[in-house]
C-alpha atoms as a PDB file:
ATOM      1  CA  MET A   1     237.175 -19.576 121.368  1.00  0.00           C
ATOM      2  CA  SER A   2     238.931 -17.552 118.991  1.00  0.00           C
ATOM      3  CA  ASP A   3     238.378 -14.098 117.898  1.00  0.00           C
ATOM      4  CA  VAL A   4     237.755 -15.013 114.588  1.00  0.00           C
ATOM      5  CA  ALA A   5     235.358 -18.251 116.136  1.00  0.00           C
ATOM      6  CA  ALA A   6     233.585 -15.254 118.273  1.00  0.00           C
ATOM      7  CA  VAL A   7     233.433 -13.088 114.814  1.00  0.00           C
ATOM      8  CA  ASP A   8     232.159 -15.883 112.716  1.00  0.00           C
ATOM      9  CA  ALA A   9     229.202 -16.907 115.658  1.00  0.00           C
ATOM     10  CA  ILE A  10     228.150 -13.253 115.592  1.00  0.00           C
ATOM     11  CA  ILE A  11     227.284 -13.369 111.850  1.00  0.00           C
ATOM     12  CA  ARG A  12     226.049 -16.491 111.577  1.00  0.00           C
ATOM     13  CA  LEU A  13     223.360 -15.627 115.310  1.00  0.00           C
ATOM     14  CA  SER A  14     222.588 -12.068 113.465  1.00  0.00           C
ATOM     15  CA  ARG A  15     221.654 -13.884 110.157  1.00  0.00           C
ATOM     16  CA  VAL A  16     219.938 -16.573 111.971  1.00  0.00           C
ATOM     17  CA  LEU A  17     217.656 -13.558 113.654  1.00  0.00           C
ATOM     18  CA  GLU A  18     217.342 -11.819 109.909  1.00  0.00           C
ATOM     19  CA  ARG A  19     215.796 -15.365 108.773  1.00  0.00           C
ATOM     20  CA  ALA A  20     213.284 -15.174 111.897  1.00  0.00           C
ATOM     21  CA  SER A  21     211.844 -12.058 110.632  1.00  0.00           C
ATOM     22  CA  THR A  22     210.217 -12.825 107.419  1.00  0.00           C
ATOM     23  CA  ASP A  23     208.627  -9.241 107.296  1.00  0.00           C
ATOM     24  CA  LEU A  24     211.552  -7.153 108.071  1.00  0.00           C
ATOM     25  CA  SER A  25     215.022  -7.150 107.087  1.00  0.00           C
ATOM     26  CA  LEU A  26     217.888  -6.718 109.875  1.00  0.00           C
ATOM     27  CA  ALA A  27     218.210  -3.107 108.224  1.00  0.00           C
ATOM     28  CA  HIS A  28     214.699  -1.995 108.442  1.00  0.00           C
ATOM     29  CA  PHE A  29     214.239  -3.988 111.941  1.00  0.00           C
ATOM     30  CA  ARG A  30     217.157  -2.109 113.616  1.00  0.00           C
ATOM     31  CA  VAL A  31     215.608   1.726 112.622  1.00  0.00           C
ATOM     32  CA  LEU A  32     212.549   0.676 113.620  1.00  0.00           C
ATOM     33  CA  SER A  33     213.734  -0.424 116.580  1.00  0.00           C
ATOM     34  CA  ALA A  34     215.552   2.843 116.713  1.00  0.00           C
ATOM     35  CA  VAL A  35     212.965   5.146 116.453  1.00  0.00           C
ATOM     36  CA  ALA A  36     210.913   3.137 118.819  1.00  0.00           C
ATOM     37  CA  ASP A  37     213.578   3.796 121.442  1.00  0.00           C
ATOM     38  CA  GLY A  38     213.527   7.351 120.865  1.00  0.00           C
ATOM     39  CA  GLN A  39     215.939   8.292 117.485  1.00  0.00           C
ATOM     40  CA  GLN A  40     213.488  10.125 115.687  1.00  0.00           C
ATOM     41  CA  ARG A  41     215.511  11.774 113.307  1.00  0.00           C
ATOM     42  CA  ALA A  42     217.723  10.003 110.660  1.00  0.00           C
ATOM     43  CA  SER A  43     220.758  11.917 111.063  1.00  0.00           C
ATOM     44  CA  ARG A  44     220.535  10.590 114.893  1.00  0.00           C
ATOM     45  CA  LEU A  45     219.388   7.356 113.603  1.00  0.00           C
ATOM     46  CA  ALA A  46     222.526   7.209 111.234  1.00  0.00           C
ATOM     47  CA  ARG A  47     224.593   7.899 113.956  1.00  0.00           C
ATOM     48  CA  ARG A  48     223.102   5.647 116.507  1.00  0.00           C
ATOM     49  CA  LEU A  49     223.495   2.529 113.721  1.00  0.00           C
ATOM     50  CA  ALA A  50     226.825   3.685 112.565  1.00  0.00           C
ATOM     51  CA  LEU A  51     225.463   3.663 109.149  1.00  0.00           C
ATOM     52  CA  GLY A  52     225.826   6.182 106.328  1.00  0.00           C
ATOM     53  CA  LYS A  53     223.064   9.112 106.269  1.00  0.00           C
ATOM     54  CA  PRO A  54     221.926   7.317 102.201  1.00  0.00           C
ATOM     55  CA  ALA A  55     221.365   3.737 104.019  1.00  0.00           C
ATOM     56  CA  VAL A  56     219.228   5.327 106.676  1.00  0.00           C
ATOM     57  CA  SER A  57     217.235   7.195 103.819  1.00  0.00           C
ATOM     58  CA  ALA A  58     217.006   4.245 101.931  1.00  0.00           C
ATOM     59  CA  SER A  59     215.448   2.035 104.742  1.00  0.00           C
ATOM     60  CA  VAL A  60     213.800   5.399 106.017  1.00  0.00           C
ATOM     61  CA  GLU A  61     211.845   5.454 102.548  1.00  0.00           C
ATOM     62  CA  SER A  62     210.825   2.335 102.134  1.00  0.00           C
ATOM     63  CA  LEU A  63     209.728   1.644 105.486  1.00  0.00           C
ATOM     64  CA  CYS A  64     207.601   4.901 105.077  1.00  0.00           C
ATOM     65  CA  ARG A  65     206.574   2.913 101.716  1.00  0.00           C
ATOM     66  CA  ARG A  66     205.302   0.436 103.549  1.00  0.00           C
ATOM     67  CA  GLY A  67     203.208   2.097 105.920  1.00  0.00           C
ATOM     68  CA  LEU A  68     205.530   1.425 108.708  1.00  0.00           C
ATOM     69  CA  LEU A  69     206.989   4.512 109.310  1.00  0.00           C
ATOM     70  CA  GLU A  70     205.529   8.395 109.355  1.00  0.00           C
ATOM     71  CA  ARG A  71     207.479  11.615 108.685  1.00  0.00           C
ATOM     72  CA  GLN A  72     206.252  14.691 110.445  1.00  0.00           C
ATOM     73  CA  THR A  73     207.844  18.386 110.345  1.00  0.00           C
ATOM     74  CA  GLU A  74     208.602  19.430 113.727  1.00  0.00           C
ATOM     75  CA  LEU A  75     206.804  22.812 114.709  1.00  0.00           C
ATOM     76  CA  ALA A  76     209.612  24.528 116.144  1.00  0.00           C
ATOM     77  CA  ASP A  77     212.111  24.048 112.783  1.00  0.00           C
ATOM     78  CA  GLN A  78     210.162  23.156 109.708  1.00  0.00           C
ATOM     79  CA  ARG A  79     213.193  21.686 108.173  1.00  0.00           C
ATOM     80  CA  ALA A  80     213.165  19.109 110.645  1.00  0.00           C
ATOM     81  CA  VAL A  81     211.758  15.658 110.581  1.00  0.00           C
ATOM     82  CA  THR A  82     210.695  14.253 112.995  1.00  0.00           C
ATOM     83  CA  LEU A  83     210.006  10.187 112.087  1.00  0.00           C
ATOM     84  CA  ARG A  84     207.166   7.909 114.054  1.00  0.00           C
ATOM     85  CA  LEU A  85     206.317   4.411 113.934  1.00  0.00           C
ATOM     86  CA  THR A  86     202.420   3.488 112.915  1.00  0.00           C
ATOM     87  CA  PRO A  87     200.403   1.353 114.216  1.00  0.00           C
ATOM     88  CA  GLU A  88     200.928  -1.152 111.303  1.00  0.00           C
ATOM     89  CA  GLY A  89     204.928  -0.466 112.352  1.00  0.00           C
ATOM     90  CA  GLU A  90     204.503  -1.057 116.042  1.00  0.00           C
ATOM     91  CA  ARG A  91     202.820  -4.314 115.183  1.00  0.00           C
ATOM     92  CA  ALA A  92     205.515  -5.180 112.777  1.00  0.00           C
ATOM     93  CA  LEU A  93     208.352  -4.493 115.254  1.00  0.00           C
ATOM     94  CA  ALA A  94     206.813  -6.652 117.849  1.00  0.00           C
ATOM     95  CA  ALA A  95     206.442  -9.274 115.644  1.00  0.00           C
ATOM     96  CA  ALA A  96     210.040  -9.583 114.367  1.00  0.00           C
ATOM     97  CA  ARG A  97     211.406  -8.702 117.982  1.00  0.00           C
ATOM     98  CA  ALA A  98     209.207 -12.201 119.316  1.00  0.00           C
ATOM     99  CA  ALA A  99     210.587 -14.350 116.340  1.00  0.00           C
ATOM    100  CA  MET A 100     213.846 -12.844 116.897  1.00  0.00           C
ATOM    101  CA  VAL A 101     213.683 -13.815 120.595  1.00  0.00           C
ATOM    102  CA  GLU A 102     212.514 -17.318 119.709  1.00  0.00           C
ATOM    103  CA  GLN A 103     215.358 -17.305 118.084  1.00  0.00           C
ATOM    104  CA  LEU A 104     217.877 -16.553 120.259  1.00  0.00           C
ATOM    105  CA  ARG A 105     216.314 -18.788 122.451  1.00  0.00           C
ATOM    106  CA  ALA A 106     216.272 -21.862 120.848  1.00  0.00           C
ATOM    107  CA  VAL A 107     220.379 -20.380 120.262  1.00  0.00           C
ATOM    108  CA  ILE A 108     221.892 -19.753 123.415  1.00  0.00           C
ATOM    109  CA  ALA A 109     220.189 -22.789 124.724  1.00  0.00           C
ATOM    110  CA  HIS A 110     223.217 -24.376 123.433  1.00  0.00           C
ATOM    111  CA  ALA A 111     225.554 -22.251 125.578  1.00  0.00           C
ATOM    112  CA  PRO A 112     226.582 -23.879 128.464  1.00  0.00           C
ATOM    113  CA  VAL A 113     225.061 -21.433 130.575  1.00  0.00           C
ATOM    114  CA  PRO A 114     222.479 -19.837 129.158  1.00  0.00           C
ATOM    115  CA  ALA A 115     221.438 -17.151 131.394  1.00  0.00           C
ATOM    116  CA  ALA A 116     224.904 -16.075 131.473  1.00  0.00           C
ATOM    117  CA  THR A 117     225.069 -16.078 128.132  1.00  0.00           C
ATOM    118  CA  VAL A 118     222.240 -13.176 128.015  1.00  0.00           C
ATOM    119  CA  GLU A 119     223.780 -11.545 130.477  1.00  0.00           C
ATOM    120  CA  GLN A 120     226.864 -11.017 128.498  1.00  0.00           C
ATOM    121  CA  LEU A 121     225.378 -10.210 125.300  1.00  0.00           C
ATOM    122  CA  THR A 122     223.384  -7.315 127.229  1.00  0.00           C
ATOM    123  CA  ALA A 123     226.645  -5.940 128.505  1.00  0.00           C
ATOM    124  CA  LEU A 124     228.153  -6.190 124.592  1.00  0.00           C
ATOM    125  CA  ASN A 125     224.983  -4.305 123.289  1.00  0.00           C
ATOM    126  CA  ALA A 126     226.123  -1.409 126.456  1.00  0.00           C
ATOM    127  CA  GLY A 127     229.222  -1.438 124.964  1.00  0.00           C
ATOM    128  CA  LEU A 128     228.164  -1.176 121.403  1.00  0.00           C
ATOM    129  CA  ASP A 129     225.977   1.666 122.488  1.00  0.00           C
ATOM    130  CA  GLU A 130     229.026   2.973 124.036  1.00  0.00           C
ATOM    131  CA  LEU A 131     231.056   2.755 120.502  1.00  0.00           C
ATOM    132  CA  ALA A 132     228.656   4.449 118.776  1.00  0.00           C
ATOM    133  CA  GLU A 133     228.196   7.470 121.105  1.00  0.00           C
ATOM    134  CA  GLN A 134     231.941   7.800 121.152  1.00  0.00           C
ATOM    135  CA  ARG A 135     231.986   7.534 117.289  1.00  0.00           C
ATOM    136  CA  ALA A 136     229.506  10.125 116.608  1.00  0.00           C
ATOM    137  CA  ALA A 137     231.050  12.230 119.067  1.00  0.00           C
ATOM    138  CA  ARG A 138     234.075  12.673 116.267  1.00  0.00           C
END
């Protein structure tokens, strides 16, 4: 598979996964996932997700309006705001993850070695995390 074909496949897969979740856009899914994984400030979210602060702020605002995220002022630093998933946000994230996993399994079933494909995608995710950390350090 050429590099261009691989890029096309990744783009198509992201679209398939986004359509799997009827309640969350991929951007909202990524924000909720990052908050659930411990990235609790908007500035950290922006670095982790490799997005601009305005894009993250818009997503956070939308998710708060929908009742999926809540903002809390930190006691030690009144200027700092911590983000937390609400119970409804936890349910929405769990439902989106389940739908996306189902779609991913359907796609990966067509791979020559599905288990190896899952391992490769997991390794790519670790590489993406490392790349995001390197970019954030700049």
